[in-house]
Amino acid sequence: MSAHLEDWLRLLGLEFSATKLGNLLQAFGSPTAVLQAPAEALRRVPGVREADIVAIERAANASIAIPEPLQKGTVRLITQHDSEYPNPLRQIPDPPPALFVWGTIQERDRFGIAVVGTRHPSAYGRMVAERFTRDLCEAGLTIISGGALGIDTIAHRTALECGGRTIAILGSGLGKPYPAENLRLFAQIAEAGGAVVSEFGYFSPPDAWRFPVRNRLIAGWALGTLVIEAGEQSGALITARLAGEYGREVFAVPGNIDNPRSKGCHDLIKNGAILVDSAQDVLDTLRIQREPRPRELQLPMLTPAQEKLLALLTLEPQHLDAIARAAQVPVHIAQIELTTLEMMGLARRMPGGTFVRVL
């Protein structure tokens, strides 16, 4: 396992794009095989240049030390072959072959909403970010953002304060978390059961080019992207554009027409983003079904069959027969277990013998 991890670190340290890494791994099957591949074979991989071949040969012969957090298991490397790898990212055009994860990714995190915006919010922007985040957490959504100062930080902190889940996707390696001012926040996210995630090499610095690359993961992981205060040149607009390209919903909060921080949101609305003035607008658009439960109640323990069925449920109605077939259980067993999940407030029966997930 140590040698396998070392080869992953060598390969990710080359700073290749996700597409190039994906092509190499598809061609050779593993990081070790990529590093051992002859130059002639590497030349046949789409996108690989002569300079890349030299870099691969150097990496193959380089000594490497496994960072202490990876040795201790505080940080883990997960790949697309791991069950923990977020399924929404498998659906984007250039999914990262591997992710460094500090904390825990849960199955329910596929129901996430990205909350992004300016690094210098007004008092209005702060208030709106806190209100939306709190209400979206109450609905059971995971808050996804980039860990930056400003709106990102407010969203992460508010999610923690109200007992919700949050995931920070960084534009640097986990060994050099950026911004440094948020190191304690990142630790709190991991300690609370959320996750701090990066696709970059462990000690990669926060170079400017990494943040637009990172933004595609925020846009791709979430069901939709909510923009709260963004200037005309805000990186949040890159996230919103990518979300639209990926077929995800884009939401924008209107602001003061004289405030330059509102210009980006207003432009988004003019170009088709959904104007929202409450979290309920977001929930309605995403067709989120939820049942209010007292805060002090814990989710009930589920049987393996119930966990499998719950993992298959989405926000789109699915027929009982299709769910049973996907879960590989008899229809009558699926019906009993889904009824039990409905009684627990985790599923809802819809017209035509269909079921949806309740958040």
Protein backbone atom coordinates (compact mmCIF):
# COMPACT_ATOMS: atom_id res chain seq x y z
CA MET A 1 0.00 0.00 0.00
CA SER A 2 2.90 2.35 0.81
CA ALA A 3 4.47 1.85 -2.63
CA HIS A 4 1.07 2.33 -4.29
CA LEU A 5 0.54 5.61 -2.39
CA GLU A 6 4.06 6.76 -3.24
CA ASP A 7 3.38 6.27 -6.95
CA TRP A 8 0.13 8.20 -6.68
CA LEU A 9 2.03 11.04 -4.99
CA ARG A 10 4.65 10.97 -7.74
CA LEU A 11 2.01 11.08 -10.47
CA LEU A 12 -0.09 13.83 -8.86
CA GLY A 13 3.05 15.84 -8.19
CA LEU A 14 3.54 16.21 -11.94
CA GLU A 15 0.68 18.74 -11.97
CA PHE A 16 -0.89 17.26 -15.12
CA SER A 17 -4.45 18.19 -15.93
CA ALA A 18 -7.23 15.84 -14.84
CA THR A 19 -7.85 14.98 -18.49
CA LYS A 20 -4.22 14.06 -19.14
CA LEU A 21 -4.02 12.04 -15.91
CA GLY A 22 -7.23 10.28 -16.86
CA ASN A 23 -5.88 9.41 -20.31
CA LEU A 24 -2.68 8.00 -18.81
CA LEU A 25 -4.50 5.91 -16.23
CA GLN A 26 -6.96 4.65 -18.84
CA ALA A 27 -4.07 3.61 -21.06
CA PHE A 28 -1.95 1.88 -18.42
CA GLY A 29 -4.31 1.07 -15.55
CA SER A 30 -2.40 2.38 -12.50
CA PRO A 31 0.09 5.06 -11.43
CA THR A 32 2.81 2.43 -11.14
CA ALA A 33 2.19 1.27 -14.71
CA VAL A 34 2.23 4.87 -15.96
CA LEU A 35 5.58 5.54 -14.28
CA GLN A 36 7.05 2.33 -15.70
CA ALA A 37 5.68 2.78 -19.21
CA PRO A 38 8.21 3.08 -22.05
CA ALA A 39 8.44 6.37 -23.93
CA GLU A 40 7.02 4.82 -27.13
CA ALA A 41 3.85 3.81 -25.32
CA LEU A 42 3.51 7.17 -23.58
CA ARG A 43 3.69 8.97 -26.93
CA ARG A 44 0.52 7.18 -28.04
CA VAL A 45 -1.53 8.68 -25.18
CA PRO A 46 -3.63 11.68 -26.29
CA GLY A 47 -2.28 14.97 -24.97
CA VAL A 48 1.08 13.67 -23.78
CA ARG A 49 4.05 15.79 -24.95
CA GLU A 50 7.78 15.04 -24.98
CA ALA A 51 8.24 17.27 -21.92
CA ASP A 52 5.63 15.18 -20.11
CA ILE A 53 7.51 11.98 -20.92
CA VAL A 54 10.71 13.44 -19.46
CA ALA A 55 8.80 14.53 -16.35
CA ILE A 56 7.30 11.04 -15.92
CA GLU A 57 10.72 9.42 -16.22
CA ARG A 58 12.16 11.78 -13.61
CA ALA A 59 9.22 11.19 -11.24
CA ALA A 60 9.60 7.42 -11.57
CA ASN A 61 13.18 7.63 -10.26
CA ALA A 62 12.60 10.30 -7.62
CA SER A 63 12.60 9.48 -3.93
CA ILE A 64 9.46 10.54 -2.11
CA ALA A 65 8.36 10.78 1.51
CA ILE A 66 4.74 10.15 2.48
CA PRO A 67 3.48 13.20 4.44
CA GLU A 68 2.71 12.49 8.09
CA PRO A 69 -1.08 13.14 7.83
CA LEU A 70 -1.26 10.48 5.09
CA GLN A 71 0.81 8.07 7.18
CA LYS A 72 -1.47 8.56 10.19
CA GLY A 73 -4.68 8.45 8.16
CA THR A 74 -5.74 11.99 9.08
CA VAL A 75 -5.75 12.67 5.34
CA ARG A 76 -6.62 9.96 2.84
CA LEU A 77 -6.21 9.62 -0.90
CA ILE A 78 -9.34 8.30 -2.60
CA THR A 79 -9.58 7.38 -6.27
CA GLN A 80 -12.45 7.02 -8.73
CA HIS A 81 -12.48 3.30 -7.93
CA ASP A 82 -13.28 3.94 -4.25
CA SER A 83 -16.88 3.93 -3.05
CA GLU A 84 -16.25 7.14 -1.10
CA TYR A 85 -15.44 9.06 -4.29
CA PRO A 86 -18.30 11.57 -4.84
CA ASN A 87 -20.51 10.22 -7.57
CA PRO A 88 -21.53 13.65 -8.97
CA LEU A 89 -17.89 14.27 -9.92
CA ARG A 90 -17.84 11.12 -12.03
CA GLN A 91 -20.37 12.86 -14.29
CA ILE A 92 -18.34 15.95 -15.20
CA PRO A 93 -16.19 15.98 -18.37
CA ASP A 94 -12.83 15.98 -16.56
CA PRO A 95 -13.22 14.29 -13.15
CA PRO A 96 -10.08 14.23 -10.99
CA PRO A 97 -8.65 10.69 -10.89
CA ALA A 98 -7.93 11.10 -7.18
CA LEU A 99 -8.75 13.39 -4.28
CA PHE A 100 -7.00 14.14 -1.01
CA VAL A 101 -9.63 14.12 1.75
CA TRP A 102 -9.24 15.53 5.25
CA GLY A 103 -12.38 14.41 7.06
CA THR A 104 -15.27 12.30 5.83
CA ILE A 105 -17.38 12.19 2.68
CA GLN A 106 -20.84 10.70 3.23
CA GLU A 107 -23.41 9.26 0.85
CA ARG A 108 -25.78 12.15 1.64
CA ASP A 109 -23.21 14.65 0.31
CA ARG A 110 -24.46 13.97 -3.22
CA PHE A 111 -27.32 16.25 -2.13
CA GLY A 112 -25.19 19.39 -1.92
CA ILE A 113 -25.62 23.04 -2.77
CA ALA A 114 -22.71 25.32 -3.63
CA VAL A 115 -22.73 28.69 -1.86
CA VAL A 116 -20.22 31.12 -3.35
CA GLY A 117 -19.60 34.83 -3.68
CA THR A 118 -17.30 37.76 -3.11
CA ARG A 119 -14.35 37.74 -0.70
CA HIS A 120 -15.45 41.18 0.53
CA PRO A 121 -19.18 40.95 1.32
CA SER A 122 -21.29 43.83 2.56
CA ALA A 123 -23.32 43.54 5.75
CA TYR A 124 -26.27 42.62 3.51
CA GLY A 125 -24.25 39.86 1.82
CA ARG A 126 -23.17 38.41 5.16
CA MET A 127 -26.73 38.38 6.45
CA VAL A 128 -28.08 36.75 3.28
CA ALA A 129 -25.33 34.11 3.27
CA GLU A 130 -26.04 33.20 6.89
CA ARG A 131 -29.80 33.01 6.35
CA PHE A 132 -29.65 30.92 3.17
CA THR A 133 -27.01 28.57 4.57
CA ARG A 134 -28.93 28.01 7.79
CA ASP A 135 -32.19 27.24 5.96
CA LEU A 136 -30.51 24.97 3.39
CA CYS A 137 -28.80 23.03 6.19
CA GLU A 138 -32.15 22.67 7.92
CA ALA A 139 -33.44 21.06 4.70
CA GLY A 140 -30.64 18.48 4.88
CA LEU A 141 -28.41 19.79 2.09
CA THR A 142 -24.63 19.70 2.36
CA ILE A 143 -23.04 23.13 1.92
CA ILE A 144 -20.19 23.08 -0.60
CA SER A 145 -17.82 25.99 -1.07
CA GLY A 146 -14.19 26.88 -1.71
CA GLY A 147 -12.88 27.79 1.74
CA ALA A 148 -12.01 31.35 0.65
CA LEU A 149 -12.48 34.43 2.80
CA GLY A 150 -15.81 36.20 2.54
CA ILE A 151 -18.99 34.40 1.46
CA ASP A 152 -17.26 30.97 1.38
CA THR A 153 -16.12 31.31 4.99
CA ILE A 154 -19.52 32.56 6.15
CA ALA A 155 -21.23 29.57 4.50
CA HIS A 156 -18.84 27.04 6.07
CA ARG A 157 -19.04 28.64 9.54
CA THR A 158 -22.82 28.95 9.49
CA ALA A 159 -23.18 25.30 8.45
CA LEU A 160 -21.01 24.26 11.40
CA GLU A 161 -22.89 26.51 13.82
CA CYS A 162 -26.26 25.03 12.90
CA GLY A 163 -25.03 21.43 12.98
CA GLY A 164 -25.12 20.94 9.21
CA ARG A 165 -22.63 19.32 6.89
CA THR A 166 -20.14 21.28 4.84
CA ILE A 167 -17.34 20.51 2.38
CA ALA A 168 -14.50 22.87 1.46
CA ILE A 169 -12.76 22.27 -1.89
CA LEU A 170 -9.41 24.02 -1.89
CA GLY A 171 -7.38 25.66 -4.64
CA SER A 172 -4.13 24.39 -3.10
CA GLY A 173 -2.76 21.16 -1.73
CA LEU A 174 -3.89 20.05 1.73
CA GLY A 175 -0.29 20.39 2.88
CA LYS A 176 -0.49 24.13 2.10
CA PRO A 177 -4.13 25.01 2.86
CA TYR A 178 -5.20 28.40 1.56
CA PRO A 179 -6.07 30.83 2.96
CA ALA A 180 -3.89 30.26 6.02
CA GLU A 181 -6.32 32.34 8.08
CA ASN A 182 -8.87 29.54 7.69
CA LEU A 183 -6.69 26.67 8.90
CA ARG A 184 -8.67 26.43 12.14
CA LEU A 185 -11.93 26.52 10.18
CA PHE A 186 -10.72 23.65 7.99
CA ALA A 187 -9.84 21.63 11.09
CA GLN A 188 -13.30 22.31 12.53
CA ILE A 189 -14.94 21.13 9.31
CA ALA A 190 -13.00 17.85 9.43
CA GLU A 191 -13.60 17.39 13.16
CA ALA A 192 -17.34 17.93 12.69
CA GLY A 193 -17.52 15.09 10.16
CA GLY A 194 -17.36 17.20 7.02
CA ALA A 195 -14.47 17.23 4.59
CA VAL A 196 -11.71 19.44 3.22
CA VAL A 197 -10.82 18.25 -0.27
CA SER A 198 -8.17 18.91 -2.92
CA GLU A 199 -7.26 17.32 -6.25
CA PHE A 200 -3.82 18.94 -6.29
CA GLY A 201 -0.52 17.47 -5.15
CA TYR A 202 -0.24 17.44 -1.37
CA PHE A 203 2.17 20.39 -1.12
CA SER A 204 0.88 22.34 -4.14
CA PRO A 205 0.92 26.11 -3.51
CA PRO A 206 -2.16 28.30 -4.07
CA ASP A 207 -1.19 29.42 -7.58
CA ALA A 208 -3.76 31.64 -9.28
CA TRP A 209 -4.46 29.14 -12.09
CA ARG A 210 -5.64 26.50 -9.62
CA PHE A 211 -8.76 28.33 -8.46
CA PRO A 212 -10.70 28.28 -11.77
CA VAL A 213 -9.70 24.60 -12.08
CA ARG A 214 -10.95 23.98 -8.54
CA ASN A 215 -14.22 25.76 -9.26
CA ARG A 216 -15.32 23.01 -11.65
CA LEU A 217 -15.39 20.59 -8.68
CA ILE A 218 -17.61 22.91 -6.66
CA ALA A 219 -19.97 23.32 -9.63
CA GLY A 220 -19.89 19.63 -10.53
CA TRP A 221 -20.42 18.22 -7.04
CA ALA A 222 -23.46 20.36 -6.17
CA LEU A 223 -27.05 20.05 -7.36
CA GLY A 224 -26.94 23.78 -7.94
CA THR A 225 -24.82 26.86 -7.33
CA LEU A 226 -26.08 29.81 -5.29
CA VAL A 227 -24.23 33.09 -5.89
CA ILE A 228 -24.47 35.72 -3.14
CA GLU A 229 -22.81 39.04 -4.03
CA ALA A 230 -20.27 38.83 -6.82
CA GLY A 231 -18.51 41.55 -8.78
CA GLU A 232 -18.08 41.43 -12.53
CA GLN A 233 -14.71 39.67 -12.27
CA SER A 234 -15.58 37.37 -9.36
CA GLY A 235 -14.39 33.75 -9.44
CA ALA A 236 -17.90 32.84 -8.27
CA LEU A 237 -19.10 33.63 -11.78
CA ILE A 238 -16.75 30.96 -13.16
CA THR A 239 -18.36 28.46 -10.82
CA ALA A 240 -21.82 29.57 -11.94
CA ARG A 241 -20.90 29.30 -15.63
CA LEU A 242 -19.51 25.80 -15.13
CA ALA A 243 -22.61 24.78 -13.20
CA GLY A 244 -24.73 25.83 -16.15
CA GLU A 245 -22.50 23.91 -18.57
CA TYR A 246 -22.85 20.80 -16.41
CA GLY A 247 -26.64 21.05 -16.45
CA ARG A 248 -26.85 22.13 -12.80
CA GLU A 249 -29.12 24.89 -11.54
CA VAL A 250 -27.73 28.41 -11.05
CA PHE A 251 -29.28 30.69 -8.44
CA ALA A 252 -28.49 34.35 -7.81
CA VAL A 253 -29.53 36.69 -5.01
CA PRO A 254 -30.38 40.23 -6.17
CA GLY A 255 -28.82 43.17 -4.37
CA ASN A 256 -28.55 46.93 -4.36
CA ILE A 257 -28.23 48.19 -7.94
CA ASP A 258 -25.66 50.75 -6.77
CA ASN A 259 -23.46 48.12 -5.14
CA PRO A 260 -20.73 46.83 -7.52
CA ARG A 261 -20.76 43.56 -5.54
CA SER A 262 -24.25 42.91 -6.93
CA LYS A 263 -23.28 43.43 -10.57
CA GLY A 264 -22.27 39.80 -11.14
CA CYS A 265 -25.50 38.45 -9.63
CA HIS A 266 -27.63 40.80 -11.70
CA ASP A 267 -25.80 39.79 -14.88
CA LEU A 268 -26.41 36.12 -14.03
CA ILE A 269 -30.13 36.81 -13.60
CA LYS A 270 -30.25 38.68 -16.92
CA ASN A 271 -28.67 35.65 -18.57
CA GLY A 272 -31.03 33.04 -17.18
CA ALA A 273 -30.01 32.33 -13.59
CA ILE A 274 -32.91 31.84 -11.18
CA LEU A 275 -33.58 34.86 -8.99
CA VAL A 276 -34.05 33.71 -5.40
CA ASP A 277 -34.93 35.65 -2.27
CA SER A 278 -35.29 32.69 0.09
CA ALA A 279 -33.93 29.19 0.55
CA GLN A 280 -37.41 27.89 -0.23
CA ASP A 281 -36.98 29.13 -3.81
CA VAL A 282 -33.90 26.91 -4.08
CA LEU A 283 -35.68 23.92 -2.53
CA ASP A 284 -38.69 24.33 -4.79
CA THR A 285 -36.55 24.46 -7.92
CA LEU A 286 -34.59 21.38 -6.87
CA ARG A 287 -37.87 19.67 -5.85
CA ILE A 288 -36.47 18.87 -2.43
CA GLN A 289 -38.89 16.85 -0.31
CA ARG A 290 -38.32 17.26 3.39
CA GLU A 291 -40.04 16.40 6.62
CA PRO A 292 -39.48 18.59 9.68
CA ARG A 293 -37.94 16.68 12.58
CA PRO A 294 -37.00 17.87 16.06
CA ARG A 295 -33.35 18.90 16.15
CA GLU A 296 -32.52 16.50 18.97
CA LEU A 297 -33.61 13.40 17.06
CA GLN A 298 -30.91 11.23 15.48
CA LEU A 299 -31.38 9.35 12.22
CA PRO A 300 -32.54 5.81 13.00
CA MET A 301 -30.29 2.80 12.54
CA LEU A 302 -30.89 1.20 9.17
CA THR A 303 -30.61 -2.40 8.04
CA PRO A 304 -28.23 -3.17 5.15
CA ALA A 305 -31.21 -3.51 2.80
CA GLN A 306 -32.60 -0.16 3.90
CA GLU A 307 -29.20 1.53 3.44
CA LYS A 308 -28.94 0.10 -0.09
CA LEU A 309 -32.44 1.28 -1.02
CA LEU A 310 -31.92 4.72 0.53
CA ALA A 311 -28.68 5.16 -1.42
CA LEU A 312 -30.60 4.52 -4.65
CA LEU A 313 -33.31 7.07 -3.97
CA THR A 314 -32.91 10.50 -5.56
CA LEU A 315 -35.01 13.64 -5.83
CA GLU A 316 -36.55 12.27 -9.04
CA PRO A 317 -39.43 9.79 -8.62
CA GLN A 318 -38.41 6.18 -9.41
CA HIS A 319 -40.78 3.26 -9.78
CA LEU A 320 -40.72 0.52 -7.15
CA ASP A 321 -39.82 -2.12 -9.74
CA ALA A 322 -36.81 -0.14 -10.97
CA ILE A 323 -35.58 0.46 -7.42
CA ALA A 324 -35.92 -3.22 -6.52
CA ARG A 325 -34.09 -4.24 -9.69
CA ALA A 326 -31.22 -1.81 -9.02
CA ALA A 327 -30.96 -2.99 -5.41
CA GLN A 328 -31.17 -6.65 -6.49
CA VAL A 329 -33.90 -7.47 -3.97
CA PRO A 330 -37.38 -8.95 -4.51
CA VAL A 331 -40.06 -6.35 -5.21
CA HIS A 332 -42.11 -7.30 -2.15
CA ILE A 333 -39.06 -6.88 0.12
CA ALA A 334 -38.27 -3.51 -1.47
CA GLN A 335 -41.84 -2.39 -0.90
CA ILE A 336 -41.71 -3.34 2.78
CA GLU A 337 -38.35 -1.63 3.35
CA LEU A 338 -39.36 1.50 1.43
CA THR A 339 -42.52 1.71 3.50
CA THR A 340 -40.36 1.49 6.61
CA LEU A 341 -38.12 4.27 5.28
CA GLU A 342 -41.25 6.31 4.62
CA MET A 343 -42.34 5.83 8.23
CA MET A 344 -38.88 7.01 9.33
CA GLY A 345 -39.32 10.18 7.30
CA LEU A 346 -36.48 9.30 4.92
CA ALA A 347 -38.52 8.45 1.82
CA ARG A 348 -41.83 9.51 0.34
CA ARG A 349 -44.29 7.56 -1.79
CA MET A 350 -45.34 9.45 -4.90
CA PRO A 351 -48.13 8.82 -7.45
CA GLY A 352 -47.78 5.82 -9.75
CA GLY A 353 -45.90 3.58 -7.34
CA THR A 354 -42.82 5.79 -7.29
CA PHE A 355 -40.57 6.92 -4.42
CA VAL A 356 -38.26 9.88 -3.76
CA ARG A 357 -35.61 10.68 -1.18
CA VAL A 358 -36.61 12.99 1.66
CA LEU A 359 -33.98 15.38 3.01
